[in-house]
Protein backbone atom coordinates (compact mmCIF):
# COMPACT_ATOMS: atom_id res chain seq x y z
CA MET A 1 125.74 110.76 75.84
CA LEU A 2 124.68 112.48 72.65
CA ASN A 3 126.50 111.81 69.40
CA ARG A 4 127.50 115.42 68.69
CA GLN A 5 130.19 114.40 66.23
CA ARG A 6 127.87 113.31 63.44
CA ALA A 7 128.07 115.81 60.57
CA VAL A 8 126.00 115.83 57.43
CA ARG A 9 127.96 116.44 54.26
CA THR A 10 127.14 116.38 50.58
CA ASP A 11 129.26 116.09 47.46
CA SER A 12 128.15 119.45 46.07
CA PRO A 13 130.40 122.34 47.13
CA MET A 14 127.43 124.75 47.02
CA ALA A 15 125.18 122.54 49.16
CA LEU A 16 124.52 123.54 52.73
CA SER A 17 125.74 121.31 55.50
CA LEU A 18 125.41 121.30 59.25
CA GLU A 19 128.62 120.94 61.19
CA PRO A 20 128.17 119.97 64.85
CA ILE A 21 130.54 121.68 67.27
CA ALA A 22 131.46 119.57 70.31
CA GLY A 23 131.37 121.27 73.71
CA PRO A 24 135.16 121.59 74.10
CA LEU A 25 135.33 123.38 70.71
CA VAL A 26 132.47 125.83 71.30
CA ALA A 27 134.74 128.56 72.66
CA THR A 28 136.90 128.36 69.53
CA ALA A 29 133.97 128.34 67.09
CA TRP A 30 131.78 130.82 68.96
CA GLY A 31 133.09 133.82 67.02
CA LEU A 32 131.66 132.27 63.84
CA ALA A 33 128.30 131.43 65.43
CA GLU A 34 127.74 134.38 67.75
CA PRO A 35 126.47 136.94 65.20
CA TRP A 36 123.87 134.44 63.99
CA VAL A 37 122.81 133.48 67.51
CA ARG A 38 122.64 137.14 68.55
CA SER A 39 120.46 137.95 65.52
CA ALA A 40 118.11 135.05 66.29
CA CYS A 41 117.81 136.10 69.94
CA LYS A 42 117.04 139.68 68.95
CA ASN A 43 114.80 139.11 65.93
CA GLY A 44 113.14 135.94 67.17
CA ALA A 45 112.03 137.51 70.44
CA LEU A 46 113.79 134.83 72.46
CA ILE A 47 114.14 135.31 76.20
CA GLU A 48 117.54 133.64 76.10
CA THR A 49 120.79 135.47 75.43
CA PRO A 50 123.69 134.46 73.20
CA GLU A 51 125.75 134.08 76.37
CA SER A 52 123.26 131.66 77.94
CA TYR A 53 123.24 129.55 74.79
CA LYS A 54 127.04 129.58 74.64
CA ALA A 55 127.23 128.38 78.25
CA ARG A 56 124.82 125.50 77.60
CA CYS A 57 126.61 124.50 74.39
CA THR A 58 129.96 124.55 76.20
CA ALA A 59 128.48 122.43 79.00
CA GLU A 60 127.03 120.10 76.33
CA SER A 61 123.44 120.47 77.52
CA ALA A 62 122.75 122.10 74.13
CA GLN A 63 124.36 121.54 70.73
CA LEU A 64 125.91 124.20 68.51
CA TRP A 65 125.75 123.71 64.74
CA LEU A 66 127.45 125.81 62.08
CA ILE A 67 125.71 126.09 58.72
CA VAL A 68 128.39 125.87 56.05
CA GLN A 69 128.30 126.48 52.31
CA ALA A 70 131.37 126.50 50.05
CA ALA A 71 133.67 126.39 53.11
CA ARG A 72 132.02 129.55 54.58
CA VAL A 73 129.86 129.80 57.67
CA VAL A 74 126.52 131.13 56.47
CA GLY A 75 124.48 130.55 59.61
CA ALA A 76 124.19 128.77 62.93
CA GLY A 77 121.72 126.72 64.88
CA ILE A 78 121.27 125.40 68.38
CA THR A 79 119.46 122.27 69.45
CA GLU A 80 118.60 120.99 72.90
CA ILE A 81 117.35 117.53 73.78
CA TYR A 82 115.17 117.06 76.81
CA ASP A 83 113.02 114.28 78.24
CA THR A 84 109.24 114.47 78.44
CA PRO A 85 106.61 111.93 79.49
CA LYS A 86 106.09 111.23 75.77
CA GLY A 87 109.81 110.65 75.10
CA LEU A 88 112.84 112.70 74.09
CA THR A 89 112.21 116.03 72.36
CA CYS A 90 114.72 117.93 70.24
CA ALA A 91 114.12 121.66 70.54
CA VAL A 92 115.47 124.01 67.87
CA PRO A 93 115.41 127.42 69.55
CA VAL A 94 117.93 129.01 67.17
CA LEU A 95 118.28 128.73 63.41
CA ALA A 96 119.61 131.68 61.44
CA ALA A 97 121.14 131.68 57.97
CA VAL A 98 121.94 134.00 55.07
CA SER A 99 119.18 132.47 52.99
CA PHE A 100 116.63 131.13 55.40
CA GLU A 101 114.31 129.84 52.68
CA GLU A 102 117.16 127.98 50.95
CA ALA A 103 118.41 126.55 54.24
CA LEU A 104 115.11 125.54 55.74
CA LYS A 105 114.35 122.16 54.15
CA PRO A 106 117.85 120.62 54.07
CA LEU A 107 118.70 121.83 57.56
CA PHE A 108 115.52 120.61 59.19
CA GLU A 109 115.82 117.29 57.37
CA THR A 110 119.33 116.99 58.84
CA VAL A 111 118.22 117.97 62.35
CA GLU A 112 115.28 115.57 62.16
CA ALA A 113 117.50 112.66 61.12
CA TRP A 114 120.06 113.50 63.83
CA ALA A 115 117.37 113.85 66.51
CA ARG A 116 115.80 110.54 65.49
CA ALA A 117 119.24 108.87 65.75
CA GLU A 118 119.56 110.35 69.26
CA GLY A 119 116.27 108.70 70.24
CA CYS A 120 114.00 111.75 69.93
CA VAL A 121 110.35 111.25 69.07
CA ARG A 122 109.47 114.93 68.67
CA LEU A 123 110.86 118.19 67.31
CA GLU A 124 110.03 121.58 68.77
CA GLY A 125 110.87 125.06 67.49
CA TYR A 126 110.50 128.64 68.64
CA GLY A 127 110.34 131.79 66.58
CA ARG A 128 108.34 134.44 64.84
CA PRO A 129 104.95 133.77 63.21
CA GLY A 130 106.70 133.35 59.84
CA TRP A 131 108.09 130.03 61.08
CA THR A 132 104.55 128.62 61.19
CA ARG A 133 103.97 129.44 57.53
CA ALA A 134 107.44 128.33 56.42
CA LEU A 135 107.39 124.99 58.24
CA LYS A 136 103.78 123.97 57.60
CA PRO A 137 104.62 122.24 54.28
CA TYR A 138 107.07 120.02 56.20
CA GLY A 139 104.55 118.76 58.72
CA TRP A 140 105.10 121.28 61.53
CA ARG A 141 102.08 122.73 63.34
CA PRO A 142 101.75 125.51 65.93
CA LEU A 143 101.06 124.45 69.51
CA SER A 144 100.88 127.78 71.30
CA VAL A 145 101.61 131.47 71.00
CA VAL A 146 103.90 133.39 73.33
CA ILE A 147 103.38 137.11 73.67
CA GLU A 148 105.23 139.57 75.85
CA LYS A 149 105.40 143.16 76.98
CA ASP A 150 108.45 144.89 78.37
CA ILE A 151 107.71 146.86 81.54
């Protein structure tokens, strides 16, 4: 079972923190996360829907995180851990925040530490081409490109 109760906090009231939301609490917290998840699904060209993510977070096959700053929710993220022949992978299909650039490094450091504690050996993300540029300084590299056409 995943340790979804581990939160990362700092002493600075202006610092960003990730607050994990356990499956039984997803329904209660969803109103805070949903606008961020909806934006990521729309702007990030994800094939998932906010409702499909909510269902998986409620069922605890995915993890909902609120991004908090000064006691305000300023974003949300979703992670999913799955097994591969190379070991556990933590996917980060959703990450949306008021200030993406400000949130990027501390949030991915937190997710990386959490995923490592869960036994993951790899991180995986999805998103627009800007993610490749933004994450390159932190050791991320593109593996493939997904393109689509509505018909």
